């Protein structure tokens, strides 16, 4: 089972193979390394410096993401001068896995 907020409601039933792969990856992570990663991610915050970014930024969020909610993507968009924000419907925290075609299109369009 994926962590709460890690996938949209319909994703586990629709993509059992992807869910199994993601779950297996989480199970194989050793507890200490995973805890250190979570601690590092939780303490890393550069939102006060977003206005220093001078290159285009694409902020993508899933509408069901409880880990990094769409509101955070909107805040990034508001703080970065050259930004594009997109919220993917029926996606959560694993948008490239949950919505691969849409994520790829967003990236390709952004980079063109």
Protein backbone atom coordinates (compact mmCIF):
# COMPACT_ATOMS: atom_id res chain seq x y z
CA UNK A 1 0.00 0.00 0.00
CA UNK A 2 1.23 3.50 -0.83
CA UNK A 3 1.43 6.19 1.86
CA UNK A 4 -1.62 8.41 2.31
CA UNK A 5 -1.57 11.26 -0.18
CA UNK A 6 0.84 9.33 -2.36
CA UNK A 7 -1.66 8.40 -5.04
CA UNK A 8 -5.08 9.51 -6.29
CA UNK A 9 -8.08 7.44 -5.17
CA UNK A 10 -8.52 5.45 -8.42
CA UNK A 11 -4.81 4.85 -9.13
CA UNK A 12 -4.20 1.66 -7.07
CA UNK A 13 -7.01 -0.25 -8.78
CA UNK A 14 -6.21 1.13 -12.23
CA UNK A 15 -2.44 0.55 -12.11
CA UNK A 16 -1.68 -2.38 -9.76
CA UNK A 17 1.70 -3.04 -11.39
CA UNK A 18 2.90 0.51 -10.83
CA UNK A 19 1.62 0.44 -7.25
CA UNK A 20 3.47 -2.83 -6.63
CA UNK A 21 6.71 -1.38 -8.02
CA UNK A 22 6.46 1.81 -5.95
CA UNK A 23 5.54 -0.14 -2.82
CA UNK A 24 8.42 -2.57 -3.34
CA UNK A 25 10.86 0.32 -3.75
CA UNK A 26 9.69 1.79 -0.44
CA UNK A 27 9.97 -1.60 1.29
CA UNK A 28 13.54 -2.07 0.06
CA UNK A 29 14.72 1.26 1.46
CA UNK A 30 16.51 0.87 4.76
CA UNK A 31 14.81 2.66 7.64
CA UNK A 32 17.75 4.88 8.61
CA UNK A 33 18.38 6.19 5.10
CA UNK A 34 14.68 6.80 4.53
CA UNK A 35 14.40 8.67 7.84
CA UNK A 36 17.43 10.81 6.97
CA UNK A 37 15.95 11.58 3.56
CA UNK A 38 12.63 12.62 5.12
CA UNK A 39 14.44 14.80 7.66
CA UNK A 40 16.51 16.49 4.94
CA UNK A 41 13.48 17.12 2.74
CA UNK A 42 11.47 18.43 5.68
CA UNK A 43 14.11 20.96 6.67
CA UNK A 44 14.97 22.20 3.15
CA UNK A 45 13.04 25.38 2.42
CA UNK A 46 14.16 28.01 -0.05
CA UNK A 47 10.77 29.63 -0.61
CA UNK A 48 12.16 32.92 0.66
CA UNK A 49 14.61 32.94 -2.24
CA UNK A 50 12.24 32.12 -5.11
CA UNK A 51 12.54 35.65 -6.49
CA UNK A 52 16.26 34.98 -7.12
CA UNK A 53 15.44 32.37 -9.76
CA UNK A 54 16.02 33.89 -13.19
CA UNK A 55 15.28 30.90 -15.42
CA UNK A 56 11.90 29.51 -16.46
CA UNK A 57 10.37 27.06 -13.98
CA UNK A 58 7.61 24.51 -14.50
CA UNK A 59 5.82 23.65 -11.26
CA UNK A 60 3.62 20.56 -11.57
CA UNK A 61 1.35 19.28 -8.83
CA UNK A 62 -1.28 16.61 -8.56
CA UNK A 63 -4.73 17.66 -7.39
CA UNK A 64 -4.71 14.86 -4.76
CA UNK A 65 -1.13 15.39 -3.54
CA UNK A 66 -1.12 15.58 0.25
CA UNK A 67 2.70 15.61 0.37
CA UNK A 68 3.24 18.66 -1.84
CA UNK A 69 -0.20 20.19 -2.37
CA UNK A 70 -1.20 22.23 -5.41
CA UNK A 71 -1.16 25.32 -3.20
CA UNK A 72 2.62 24.92 -2.85
CA UNK A 73 3.01 24.79 -6.63
CA UNK A 74 0.93 27.96 -6.84
CA UNK A 75 3.18 29.61 -4.24
CA UNK A 76 6.24 28.65 -6.28
CA UNK A 77 4.58 30.11 -9.36
CA UNK A 78 3.83 33.33 -7.53
CA UNK A 79 7.40 33.60 -6.27
CA UNK A 80 9.29 32.83 -9.49
CA UNK A 81 9.18 35.50 -12.20
CA UNK A 82 9.23 33.13 -15.19
CA UNK A 83 7.01 30.31 -14.03
CA UNK A 84 4.33 28.05 -15.37
CA UNK A 85 2.11 26.16 -12.92
CA UNK A 86 0.04 23.16 -13.86
CA UNK A 87 -2.15 20.99 -11.62
CA UNK A 88 -2.82 17.50 -12.97
CA UNK A 89 -6.28 16.12 -12.28
CA UNK A 90 -6.46 12.57 -10.95
CA UNK A 91 -2.82 12.68 -9.83
CA UNK A 92 -1.12 12.90 -6.47
CA UNK A 93 2.57 12.81 -5.54
CA UNK A 94 3.72 10.40 -8.26
CA UNK A 95 2.50 12.33 -11.31
CA UNK A 96 5.09 10.87 -13.73
CA UNK A 97 3.87 7.37 -12.79
CA UNK A 98 0.19 8.21 -12.38
CA UNK A 99 -0.15 10.41 -15.48
CA UNK A 100 2.94 9.65 -17.62
CA UNK A 101 1.63 10.91 -20.97
CA UNK A 102 0.33 14.17 -19.53
CA UNK A 103 3.50 14.74 -17.52
CA UNK A 104 5.68 14.08 -20.58
CA UNK A 105 3.57 16.47 -22.68
CA UNK A 106 3.88 19.20 -20.06
CA UNK A 107 7.66 18.77 -19.96
CA UNK A 108 8.01 18.63 -23.75
CA UNK A 109 5.81 21.70 -24.25
CA UNK A 110 7.70 23.57 -21.54
CA UNK A 111 11.11 22.72 -23.01
CA UNK A 112 10.14 23.55 -26.63
